[in-house]
Amino acid sequence: MEQKKIGFIGVGLMGHGAAKNILLGGFPLTVMAHRNRAPVDDLVERGATEAMSTAELVRAVDVVFTCVSDASVMEKLVLGDGGVLEAARPGQILVDMTTSEPATSRRLAQALSQKKVIFVDGPVTLTPKEAEEGRLNIMIGAEDTTLNEIRPVLETFCQRIFHTGTVGTAHTLKLINNFLTLGNAALAVEACTAATKAGVAPDMMVDLISVSGGDSASFQRMAGLLTGSGDPERAAFAIKNARKDVDYFWRLADDQEVYAPLADSVRRWYDLAVALGHGDAQMPQLFEAQGDLSGVPVSLRTSSSSSRGVKAD
């Protein structure tokens, strides 16, 4: 494959690891700063080039990766003044790793197609830890030929590539995955808080549930923080982003006329956690929110703290 020049917009918690591994994979990389300079400075020190604007970055590369906060930011990035659409040229590819809405993906794909630019929805799963290690899972909504063209780049930071179908299908599957993950996390926190208040020993609870039907990856990730077996880095996800993702899923279900009372309940719980002031905190702080509401302190046993309220023992 002809060596592609890669651009990356959104080198935050997930984006930095992906961009770093693209660079380590030998692809020329251009990045753009947003709020936090630290990841950009790190990538520039490793050999990346910094662009001062979206248009400058787009004009310098063949493939643009984006990993921003939500669908509205993505829409402005592509369609706004000085955005991707204005600067793009025929033959370029945009891969959106944002957890976004399928309808937005299809709308952006249609707009970019007017310039013969290909839009790919490419959200990822797992955590910043796997991003840094180059072991993410990625879902790709694109034609076979497009996937084959970008596969060498994806393989620098992904351990598994799931070809979900056409544009929009990847973001649909991502929302389904995140609803299950975040819904199970909320259930785990509620169950653990009830167990704490009822006097159940956390180690006994985790031992029992780990070999029973109530077990899940989300339960292990959250309940493990009570026993010292959990890793806060694996729960490094802002509560406000969890709220956004569950809301996107609820809207998807509503658009499809799917009866989704559980999605509505989970959405309202994350709404409440944000309203209580925990939105900028990471997922472990759900224990503090639930504990405050339930009148019981929940102490987390971890070796490091990824959020206010996580206690190191």
Protein backbone atom coordinates (compact mmCIF):
# COMPACT_ATOMS: atom_id res chain seq x y z
CA MET A 1 0.00 0.00 0.00
CA GLU A 2 1.19 3.50 -0.78
CA GLN A 3 2.20 5.11 2.50
CA LYS A 4 -0.71 7.18 3.73
CA LYS A 5 -0.28 10.49 5.53
CA ILE A 6 -2.51 10.42 8.60
CA GLY A 7 -4.17 13.27 10.47
CA PHE A 8 -5.65 12.91 13.95
CA ILE A 9 -8.07 15.35 15.59
CA GLY A 10 -8.90 14.62 19.22
CA VAL A 11 -5.84 13.16 20.94
CA GLY A 12 -7.43 12.86 24.38
CA LEU A 13 -7.71 9.79 26.62
CA MET A 14 -8.48 7.39 23.76
CA GLY A 15 -7.11 9.37 20.85
CA HIS A 16 -3.58 9.79 22.21
CA GLY A 17 -2.93 6.06 22.38
CA ALA A 18 -4.33 5.44 18.91
CA ALA A 19 -2.35 8.32 17.41
CA LYS A 20 0.84 7.23 19.18
CA ASN A 21 0.59 3.73 17.76
CA ILE A 22 -0.14 5.02 14.25
CA LEU A 23 3.10 6.99 14.55
CA LEU A 24 5.00 4.00 15.91
CA GLY A 25 3.62 1.99 12.99
CA GLY A 26 5.59 4.20 10.62
CA PHE A 27 2.85 6.44 9.26
CA PRO A 28 3.52 10.18 8.95
CA LEU A 29 1.21 11.83 11.47
CA THR A 30 -0.23 15.34 11.80
CA VAL A 31 -2.16 16.28 14.94
CA MET A 32 -4.08 19.31 16.16
CA ALA A 33 -4.34 20.69 19.70
CA HIS A 34 -7.71 21.25 21.36
CA ARG A 35 -7.76 21.96 25.11
CA ASN A 36 -4.98 19.84 26.56
CA ARG A 37 -1.49 20.44 25.18
CA ALA A 38 0.22 17.54 26.96
CA PRO A 39 -0.75 14.74 24.53
CA VAL A 40 0.02 16.92 21.51
CA ASP A 41 3.45 17.82 22.92
CA ASP A 42 4.15 14.14 23.54
CA LEU A 43 3.24 13.19 19.98
CA VAL A 44 5.27 16.04 18.50
CA GLU A 45 8.27 14.89 20.54
CA ARG A 46 7.78 11.44 19.00
CA GLY A 47 7.86 12.88 15.49
CA ALA A 48 4.36 14.08 14.69
CA THR A 49 3.67 17.41 13.01
CA GLU A 50 1.29 19.89 14.62
CA ALA A 51 -1.33 21.70 12.53
CA MET A 52 -2.73 25.02 13.69
CA SER A 53 -6.20 24.53 12.20
CA THR A 54 -8.56 21.87 10.91
CA ALA A 55 -8.10 23.05 7.35
CA GLU A 56 -4.31 22.93 7.62
CA LEU A 57 -4.43 19.37 8.93
CA VAL A 58 -6.90 18.16 6.29
CA ARG A 59 -4.85 19.61 3.44
CA ALA A 60 -1.71 17.85 4.68
CA VAL A 61 -3.01 14.28 4.90
CA ASP A 62 -4.74 11.43 3.08
CA VAL A 63 -6.75 9.96 5.96
CA VAL A 64 -8.25 11.95 8.85
CA PHE A 65 -9.11 10.26 12.15
CA THR A 66 -11.42 12.09 14.56
CA CYS A 67 -12.08 11.21 18.20
CA VAL A 68 -14.10 14.05 19.73
CA SER A 69 -16.66 14.34 22.51
CA ASP A 70 -20.02 13.95 20.77
CA ALA A 71 -22.08 14.12 17.59
CA SER A 72 -22.64 17.89 17.74
CA VAL A 73 -18.90 18.57 17.97
CA MET A 74 -18.29 16.19 15.09
CA GLU A 75 -20.94 17.88 12.95
CA LYS A 76 -19.42 21.32 13.56
CA LEU A 77 -15.91 19.97 12.87
CA VAL A 78 -16.97 18.67 9.47
CA LEU A 79 -19.59 21.17 8.32
CA GLY A 80 -18.58 24.36 10.12
CA ASP A 81 -16.56 27.28 8.78
CA GLY A 82 -12.98 26.18 8.13
CA GLY A 83 -14.02 22.57 8.72
CA VAL A 84 -13.19 19.29 7.06
CA LEU A 85 -15.67 19.68 4.21
CA GLU A 86 -14.26 23.03 3.11
CA ALA A 87 -10.66 21.80 3.02
CA ALA A 88 -11.21 18.25 1.78
CA ARG A 89 -10.24 16.97 -1.65
CA PRO A 90 -11.49 13.96 -3.65
CA GLY A 91 -10.12 10.61 -2.57
CA GLN A 92 -9.61 11.44 1.10
CA ILE A 93 -11.05 9.28 3.87
CA LEU A 94 -12.43 10.44 7.23
CA VAL A 95 -12.63 7.82 10.00
CA ASP A 96 -14.77 8.96 12.94
CA MET A 97 -13.88 7.18 16.20
CA THR A 98 -16.27 9.37 18.21
CA THR A 99 -19.14 7.65 20.00
CA SER A 100 -21.71 9.38 17.86
CA GLU A 101 -25.20 8.91 16.47
CA PRO A 102 -25.83 6.81 13.34
CA ALA A 103 -28.03 9.51 11.81
CA THR A 104 -25.19 12.03 12.16
CA SER A 105 -22.77 9.61 10.50
CA ARG A 106 -25.05 9.11 7.52
CA ARG A 107 -25.65 12.85 7.22
CA LEU A 108 -21.91 13.62 7.26
CA ALA A 109 -21.22 10.82 4.78
CA GLN A 110 -23.73 12.34 2.38
CA ALA A 111 -22.24 15.83 2.72
CA LEU A 112 -18.66 14.63 2.21
CA SER A 113 -19.62 12.50 -0.78
CA GLN A 114 -20.30 15.72 -2.70
CA LYS A 115 -16.52 16.18 -2.73
CA LYS A 116 -15.89 12.47 -3.30
CA VAL A 117 -14.58 12.12 0.26
CA ILE A 118 -15.36 8.84 2.01
CA PHE A 119 -16.77 8.88 5.55
CA VAL A 120 -16.22 5.84 7.78
CA ASP A 121 -17.75 5.38 11.22
CA GLY A 122 -15.07 3.68 13.32
CA PRO A 123 -15.88 3.75 17.06
CA VAL A 124 -13.76 1.67 19.42
CA THR A 125 -14.22 -0.35 22.59
CA LEU A 126 -12.06 -0.97 25.68
CA THR A 127 -10.18 1.71 27.63
CA PRO A 128 -7.33 4.23 27.40
CA LYS A 129 -5.02 1.49 28.73
CA GLU A 130 -5.65 -0.68 25.66
CA ALA A 131 -5.43 2.41 23.44
CA GLU A 132 -1.89 3.07 24.70
CA GLU A 133 -1.02 -0.59 24.21
CA GLY A 134 -2.42 -0.70 20.65
CA ARG A 135 -5.07 -3.28 21.58
CA LEU A 136 -8.40 -1.57 20.94
CA ASN A 137 -11.38 -3.19 19.22
CA ILE A 138 -12.78 -1.15 16.34
CA MET A 139 -16.06 -1.33 14.44
CA ILE A 140 -15.99 -0.17 10.83
CA GLY A 141 -18.97 1.02 8.81
CA ALA A 142 -17.66 1.21 5.24
CA GLU A 143 -17.39 -0.58 1.92
CA ASP A 144 -14.93 -3.49 1.65
CA THR A 145 -12.57 -1.52 -0.58
CA THR A 146 -12.36 1.34 1.92
CA LEU A 147 -11.70 -1.01 4.84
CA ASN A 148 -8.93 -2.72 2.88
CA GLU A 149 -7.37 0.67 2.14
CA ILE A 150 -7.21 1.75 5.77
CA ARG A 151 -6.67 -1.67 7.39
CA PRO A 152 -2.86 -1.28 7.69
CA VAL A 153 -3.40 1.91 9.69
CA LEU A 154 -6.09 0.34 11.89
CA GLU A 155 -3.84 -2.62 12.67
CA THR A 156 -1.32 -0.30 14.33
CA PHE A 157 -3.68 0.37 17.25
CA CYS A 158 -6.39 -2.32 17.08
CA GLN A 159 -6.30 -5.97 18.02
CA ARG A 160 -9.68 -6.72 16.43
CA ILE A 161 -11.48 -5.14 13.49
CA PHE A 162 -15.23 -5.75 13.12
CA HIS A 163 -16.69 -4.89 9.71
CA THR A 164 -20.27 -4.06 10.67
CA GLY A 165 -21.61 -3.07 7.23
CA THR A 166 -22.34 0.29 5.65
CA VAL A 167 -22.02 3.76 7.18
CA GLY A 168 -23.99 4.09 10.42
CA THR A 169 -23.90 0.41 11.38
CA ALA A 170 -20.71 0.78 13.42
CA HIS A 171 -22.09 3.61 15.53
CA THR A 172 -25.31 1.63 16.01
CA LEU A 173 -23.39 -1.35 17.36
CA LYS A 174 -21.23 0.92 19.52
CA LEU A 175 -24.31 2.40 21.20
CA ILE A 176 -25.68 -1.09 21.87
CA ASN A 177 -22.36 -2.12 23.40
CA ASN A 178 -22.14 1.02 25.55
CA PHE A 179 -25.71 0.70 26.79
CA LEU A 180 -25.00 -2.84 27.98
CA THR A 181 -21.66 -1.82 29.51
CA LEU A 182 -22.92 1.32 31.25
CA GLY A 183 -26.22 -0.21 32.25
CA ASN A 184 -24.40 -3.13 33.89
CA ALA A 185 -22.03 -0.69 35.60
CA ALA A 186 -24.96 1.22 37.10
CA LEU A 187 -26.54 -2.07 38.24
CA ALA A 188 -23.25 -3.16 39.81
CA VAL A 189 -22.89 0.08 41.77
CA GLU A 190 -26.48 -0.10 43.00
CA ALA A 191 -26.11 -3.76 44.02
CA CYS A 192 -22.76 -3.16 45.74
CA THR A 193 -24.15 -0.20 47.67
CA ALA A 194 -27.11 -2.27 48.84
CA ALA A 195 -24.72 -5.06 49.86
CA THR A 196 -22.55 -2.60 51.79
CA LYS A 197 -25.51 -1.19 53.69
CA ALA A 198 -26.78 -4.69 54.44
CA GLY A 199 -23.41 -5.68 55.90
CA VAL A 200 -22.34 -8.13 53.19
CA ALA A 201 -18.55 -8.48 52.99
CA PRO A 202 -17.35 -7.16 49.60
CA ASP A 203 -14.87 -10.02 49.09
CA MET A 204 -17.56 -12.64 49.71
CA MET A 205 -19.99 -10.86 47.36
CA VAL A 206 -17.43 -10.65 44.55
CA ASP A 207 -16.31 -14.26 45.04
CA LEU A 208 -19.89 -15.52 44.83
CA ILE A 209 -21.05 -13.39 41.92
CA SER A 210 -17.87 -14.14 39.95
CA VAL A 211 -19.01 -17.76 39.63
CA SER A 212 -22.73 -17.02 39.26
CA GLY A 213 -25.18 -15.66 36.70
CA GLY A 214 -24.85 -12.07 37.88
CA ASP A 215 -21.25 -11.78 36.71
CA SER A 216 -20.23 -9.46 33.89
CA ALA A 217 -17.19 -7.50 32.76
CA SER A 218 -18.80 -4.34 34.13
CA PHE A 219 -19.44 -5.99 37.49
CA GLN A 220 -15.80 -7.05 37.74
CA ARG A 221 -14.62 -3.60 36.70
CA MET A 222 -16.74 -1.78 39.28
CA ALA A 223 -17.06 -4.25 42.18
CA GLY A 224 -13.36 -5.02 41.97
CA LEU A 225 -12.76 -1.48 43.24
CA LEU A 226 -14.32 -2.56 46.56
CA THR A 227 -11.94 -5.49 47.05
CA GLY A 228 -8.68 -4.06 45.72
CA SER A 229 -8.71 -6.37 42.69
CA GLY A 230 -9.98 -3.67 40.32
CA ASP A 231 -7.95 -1.26 38.22
CA PRO A 232 -9.27 2.34 38.21
CA GLU A 233 -7.75 2.85 34.76
CA ARG A 234 -10.25 0.34 33.38
CA ALA A 235 -13.03 2.62 34.64
CA ALA A 236 -11.44 5.82 33.32
CA PHE A 237 -14.53 7.18 31.57
CA ALA A 238 -16.24 10.47 32.44
CA ILE A 239 -19.71 10.12 33.91
CA LYS A 240 -20.99 12.91 31.63
CA ASN A 241 -19.85 10.85 28.62
CA ALA A 242 -21.66 7.82 30.01
CA ARG A 243 -24.79 9.94 30.27
CA LYS A 244 -24.35 11.06 26.65
CA ASP A 245 -23.88 7.52 25.33
CA VAL A 246 -26.91 6.12 27.15
CA ASP A 247 -28.98 9.06 25.90
CA TYR A 248 -27.85 8.32 22.33
CA PHE A 249 -28.91 4.69 22.76
CA TRP A 250 -32.29 5.72 24.17
CA ARG A 251 -32.85 7.99 21.18
CA LEU A 252 -31.81 5.20 18.81
CA ALA A 253 -34.33 2.86 20.45
CA ASP A 254 -37.00 5.55 20.27
CA ASP A 255 -36.28 6.16 16.58
CA GLN A 256 -36.67 2.43 15.95
CA GLU A 257 -39.90 2.36 18.01
CA VAL A 258 -38.35 -0.09 20.47
CA TYR A 259 -39.94 -0.19 23.93
CA ALA A 260 -36.95 0.67 26.16
CA PRO A 261 -37.94 1.36 29.80
CA LEU A 262 -34.59 0.12 31.11
CA ALA A 263 -32.71 2.52 28.85
CA ASP A 264 -34.88 5.34 30.17
CA SER A 265 -34.14 4.35 33.79
CA VAL A 266 -30.40 4.11 33.20
CA ARG A 267 -30.47 7.44 31.38
CA ARG A 268 -32.23 9.10 34.32
CA TRP A 269 -29.70 7.67 36.79
CA TYR A 270 -26.77 9.13 34.87
CA ASP A 271 -28.70 12.41 34.54
CA LEU A 272 -28.98 12.47 38.33
CA ALA A 273 -25.28 11.70 38.85
CA VAL A 274 -24.40 14.64 36.60
CA ALA A 275 -26.93 16.91 38.33
CA LEU A 276 -25.30 16.04 41.67
CA GLY A 277 -22.01 17.42 40.38
CA HIS A 278 -20.23 14.21 39.36
CA GLY A 279 -20.27 14.74 35.59
CA ASP A 280 -16.56 15.51 35.18
CA ALA A 281 -15.51 12.65 37.45
CA GLN A 282 -14.69 9.14 36.28
CA MET A 283 -16.97 6.12 36.62
CA PRO A 284 -15.70 5.02 40.08
CA GLN A 285 -17.32 8.12 41.53
CA LEU A 286 -20.70 6.56 40.84
CA PHE A 287 -20.11 4.82 44.17
CA GLU A 288 -19.92 8.20 45.91
CA ALA A 289 -23.09 9.43 44.20
CA GLN A 290 -24.98 6.23 45.05
CA GLY A 291 -23.60 6.19 48.58
CA ASP A 292 -24.65 9.78 49.24
CA LEU A 293 -28.17 9.08 48.00
CA SER A 294 -28.38 5.86 50.02
CA GLY A 295 -26.88 7.19 53.24
CA VAL A 296 -23.91 4.84 53.30
CA PRO A 297 -20.20 5.55 52.70
CA VAL A 298 -18.66 3.15 50.19
CA SER A 299 -14.87 2.89 50.52
CA LEU A 300 -12.95 1.82 47.44
CA ARG A 301 -9.72 -0.12 47.86
CA THR A 302 -7.42 0.83 45.01
CA SER A 303 -3.71 1.39 44.54
CA SER A 304 -4.29 4.67 42.71
CA SER A 305 -7.13 7.14 42.31
CA SER A 306 -8.73 8.00 39.00
CA SER A 307 -11.43 10.21 40.52
CA ARG A 308 -12.24 12.29 43.57
CA GLY A 309 -13.68 10.05 46.26
CA VAL A 310 -11.66 6.93 45.40
CA LYS A 311 -9.70 6.08 48.49
CA ALA A 312 -6.30 4.36 48.41
CA ASP A 313 -5.85 1.78 51.21
